[in-house]
Amino acid sequence: MYVCMCHGFTDSQVRQAVADGCRSVAAVYRCLADRPQCGKCVPHVRAMVKGAPPCARAAALLAGAAAGAGD
């Protein structure tokens, strides 16, 4: 599904940008399009960024730190 009609990027592209490390709306736009044009898509991109699960590497690091905390 298209998220941004001005720049023509899709929800899968936003999910990929988040998976690649974008942790803010501004970072997603820098990755995909420079900056918003009309701004209608910003709330949707924000929701996608906030709802994104942590990346696998960060989750593994946190799990390792938690396992070592009981020593």
N, C-alpha and C. Protein backbone atom coordinates (compact mmCIF):
# COMPACT_ATOMS: atom_id res chain seq x y z
N MET A 1 0.85 -1.17 0.00
CA MET A 1 0.00 0.00 0.00
C MET A 1 0.90 1.24 0.00
N TYR A 2 0.50 2.23 -0.78
CA TYR A 2 1.25 3.47 -0.79
C TYR A 2 1.01 4.23 0.51
N VAL A 3 2.08 4.72 1.10
CA VAL A 3 2.01 5.53 2.30
C VAL A 3 2.11 7.00 1.91
N CYS A 4 3.02 7.31 1.02
CA CYS A 4 3.26 8.69 0.60
C CYS A 4 3.02 8.81 -0.91
N MET A 5 1.99 9.52 -1.25
CA MET A 5 1.68 9.72 -2.67
C MET A 5 2.60 10.76 -3.30
N CYS A 6 3.08 11.72 -2.53
CA CYS A 6 3.97 12.74 -3.07
C CYS A 6 5.29 12.14 -3.55
N HIS A 7 5.83 11.21 -2.76
CA HIS A 7 7.12 10.60 -3.11
C HIS A 7 6.98 9.18 -3.64
N GLY A 8 5.80 8.60 -3.48
CA GLY A 8 5.54 7.29 -4.05
C GLY A 8 6.18 6.13 -3.30
N PHE A 9 6.33 6.24 -1.97
CA PHE A 9 6.86 5.08 -1.26
C PHE A 9 5.76 4.33 -0.53
N THR A 10 6.05 3.06 -0.28
CA THR A 10 5.03 2.14 0.23
C THR A 10 5.29 1.76 1.69
N ASP A 11 4.31 1.09 2.29
CA ASP A 11 4.45 0.62 3.66
C ASP A 11 5.59 -0.38 3.78
N SER A 12 5.81 -1.21 2.77
CA SER A 12 6.91 -2.16 2.84
C SER A 12 8.26 -1.44 2.82
N GLN A 13 8.36 -0.34 2.10
CA GLN A 13 9.59 0.44 2.09
C GLN A 13 9.83 1.09 3.45
N VAL A 14 8.76 1.56 4.10
CA VAL A 14 8.90 2.14 5.44
C VAL A 14 9.33 1.06 6.42
N ARG A 15 8.70 -0.12 6.36
CA ARG A 15 9.09 -1.22 7.25
C ARG A 15 10.55 -1.60 7.04
N GLN A 16 11.00 -1.62 5.80
CA GLN A 16 12.40 -1.96 5.51
C GLN A 16 13.33 -0.89 6.06
N ALA A 17 12.97 0.38 5.91
CA ALA A 17 13.80 1.47 6.44
C ALA A 17 13.92 1.36 7.96
N VAL A 18 12.82 1.03 8.63
CA VAL A 18 12.84 0.85 10.08
C VAL A 18 13.71 -0.35 10.44
N ALA A 19 13.57 -1.43 9.70
CA ALA A 19 14.39 -2.62 9.95
C ALA A 19 15.87 -2.33 9.73
N ASP A 20 16.16 -1.41 8.83
CA ASP A 20 17.55 -1.04 8.54
C ASP A 20 18.11 -0.04 9.55
N GLY A 21 17.28 0.39 10.51
CA GLY A 21 17.81 1.25 11.57
C GLY A 21 17.18 2.60 11.72
N CYS A 22 16.25 2.99 10.87
CA CYS A 22 15.59 4.28 11.02
C CYS A 22 14.69 4.22 12.25
N ARG A 23 14.91 5.12 13.20
CA ARG A 23 14.17 5.10 14.45
C ARG A 23 13.33 6.34 14.67
N SER A 24 13.19 7.16 13.63
CA SER A 24 12.36 8.36 13.73
C SER A 24 11.73 8.63 12.36
N VAL A 25 10.70 9.46 12.38
CA VAL A 25 10.05 9.83 11.12
C VAL A 25 11.04 10.53 10.22
N ALA A 26 11.83 11.44 10.78
CA ALA A 26 12.82 12.17 9.99
C ALA A 26 13.83 11.23 9.34
N ALA A 27 14.25 10.21 10.08
CA ALA A 27 15.21 9.25 9.53
C ALA A 27 14.60 8.46 8.37
N VAL A 28 13.33 8.09 8.50
CA VAL A 28 12.66 7.38 7.41
C VAL A 28 12.61 8.25 6.16
N TYR A 29 12.24 9.52 6.33
CA TYR A 29 12.18 10.41 5.17
C TYR A 29 13.56 10.65 4.57
N ARG A 30 14.58 10.79 5.40
CA ARG A 30 15.94 10.95 4.86
C ARG A 30 16.33 9.73 4.04
N CYS A 31 15.93 8.57 4.50
CA CYS A 31 16.25 7.33 3.81
C CYS A 31 15.48 7.18 2.49
N LEU A 32 14.22 7.58 2.50
CA LEU A 32 13.35 7.29 1.35
C LEU A 32 13.07 8.48 0.43
N ALA A 33 13.08 9.71 0.95
CA ALA A 33 12.56 10.78 0.10
C ALA A 33 13.08 12.17 0.38
N ASP A 34 13.92 12.40 1.33
CA ASP A 34 14.43 13.70 1.72
C ASP A 34 13.58 14.32 2.82
N ARG A 35 12.35 14.74 2.55
CA ARG A 35 11.47 15.28 3.59
C ARG A 35 10.03 15.28 3.09
N PRO A 36 9.07 15.34 3.99
CA PRO A 36 7.66 15.31 3.57
C PRO A 36 7.31 16.51 2.70
N GLN A 37 6.36 16.30 1.81
CA GLN A 37 5.86 17.39 0.98
C GLN A 37 4.60 17.99 1.62
N CYS A 38 3.49 17.28 1.53
CA CYS A 38 2.23 17.80 2.05
C CYS A 38 2.01 17.44 3.52
N GLY A 39 2.66 16.38 4.00
CA GLY A 39 2.58 15.99 5.39
C GLY A 39 1.45 15.05 5.77
N LYS A 40 0.59 14.70 4.83
CA LYS A 40 -0.54 13.82 5.15
C LYS A 40 -0.08 12.42 5.57
N CYS A 41 1.07 11.99 5.15
CA CYS A 41 1.55 10.65 5.47
C CYS A 41 2.33 10.58 6.78
N VAL A 42 2.70 11.72 7.33
CA VAL A 42 3.53 11.74 8.53
C VAL A 42 2.91 10.95 9.70
N PRO A 43 1.62 11.11 10.00
CA PRO A 43 1.05 10.33 11.11
C PRO A 43 1.15 8.82 10.88
N HIS A 44 0.97 8.38 9.66
CA HIS A 44 1.05 6.95 9.36
C HIS A 44 2.49 6.45 9.50
N VAL A 45 3.45 7.21 9.00
CA VAL A 45 4.85 6.83 9.13
C VAL A 45 5.23 6.82 10.61
N ARG A 46 4.78 7.81 11.37
CA ARG A 46 5.07 7.86 12.81
C ARG A 46 4.53 6.61 13.51
N ALA A 47 3.31 6.21 13.18
CA ALA A 47 2.71 5.01 13.78
C ALA A 47 3.50 3.77 13.41
N MET A 48 3.98 3.70 12.19
CA MET A 48 4.77 2.54 11.76
C MET A 48 6.11 2.50 12.50
N VAL A 49 6.74 3.65 12.71
CA VAL A 49 8.01 3.69 13.42
C VAL A 49 7.81 3.30 14.89
N LYS A 50 6.78 3.84 15.52
CA LYS A 50 6.52 3.54 16.94
C LYS A 50 6.09 2.10 17.15
N GLY A 51 5.41 1.52 16.18
CA GLY A 51 4.92 0.15 16.31
C GLY A 51 5.92 -0.89 15.87
N ALA A 52 7.08 -0.45 15.42
CA ALA A 52 8.06 -1.39 14.90
C ALA A 52 8.73 -2.14 16.04
N PRO A 53 8.89 -3.44 15.90
CA PRO A 53 9.62 -4.20 16.91
C PRO A 53 11.09 -3.83 16.89
N PRO A 54 11.80 -4.02 17.99
CA PRO A 54 13.24 -3.72 17.98
C PRO A 54 13.96 -4.64 17.01
N CYS A 55 15.04 -4.16 16.46
CA CYS A 55 15.78 -5.01 15.52
C CYS A 55 16.33 -6.22 16.23
N ALA A 56 16.58 -7.27 15.51
CA ALA A 56 17.03 -8.54 16.09
C ALA A 56 18.35 -8.39 16.83
N ARG A 57 19.24 -7.58 16.31
CA ARG A 57 20.54 -7.39 16.97
C ARG A 57 20.36 -6.73 18.33
N ALA A 58 19.55 -5.69 18.42
CA ALA A 58 19.31 -5.01 19.70
C ALA A 58 18.63 -5.95 20.68
N ALA A 59 17.68 -6.74 20.20
CA ALA A 59 16.98 -7.68 21.07
C ALA A 59 17.95 -8.73 21.62
N ALA A 60 18.87 -9.20 20.78
CA ALA A 60 19.85 -10.19 21.23
C ALA A 60 20.81 -9.59 22.25
N LEU A 61 21.23 -8.35 22.04
CA LEU A 61 22.12 -7.69 22.99
C LEU A 61 21.43 -7.50 24.34
N LEU A 62 20.16 -7.09 24.30
CA LEU A 62 19.40 -6.91 25.54
C LEU A 62 19.20 -8.24 26.26
N ALA A 63 18.92 -9.29 25.52
CA ALA A 63 18.72 -10.60 26.12
C ALA A 63 20.02 -11.09 26.76
N GLY A 64 21.15 -10.85 26.11
CA GLY A 64 22.43 -11.25 26.66
C GLY A 64 22.77 -10.47 27.92
N ALA A 65 22.46 -9.18 27.93
CA ALA A 65 22.73 -8.34 29.11
C ALA A 65 21.85 -8.78 30.28
N ALA A 66 20.60 -9.12 30.00
CA ALA A 66 19.68 -9.56 31.04
C ALA A 66 20.12 -10.91 31.62
N ALA A 67 20.63 -11.79 30.78
CA ALA A 67 21.07 -13.11 31.24
C ALA A 67 22.31 -12.98 32.14
N GLY A 68 23.19 -12.03 31.82
CA GLY A 68 24.40 -11.83 32.61
C GLY A 68 24.16 -11.04 33.87
N ALA A 69 23.01 -10.40 34.01
CA ALA A 69 22.73 -9.54 35.17
C ALA A 69 22.55 -10.35 36.45
N GLY A 70 22.18 -11.61 36.33
CA GLY A 70 21.94 -12.42 37.52
C GLY A 70 23.19 -13.05 38.11
N ASP A 71 24.35 -12.80 37.50
CA ASP A 71 25.60 -13.41 37.97
C ASP A 71 26.11 -12.78 39.23
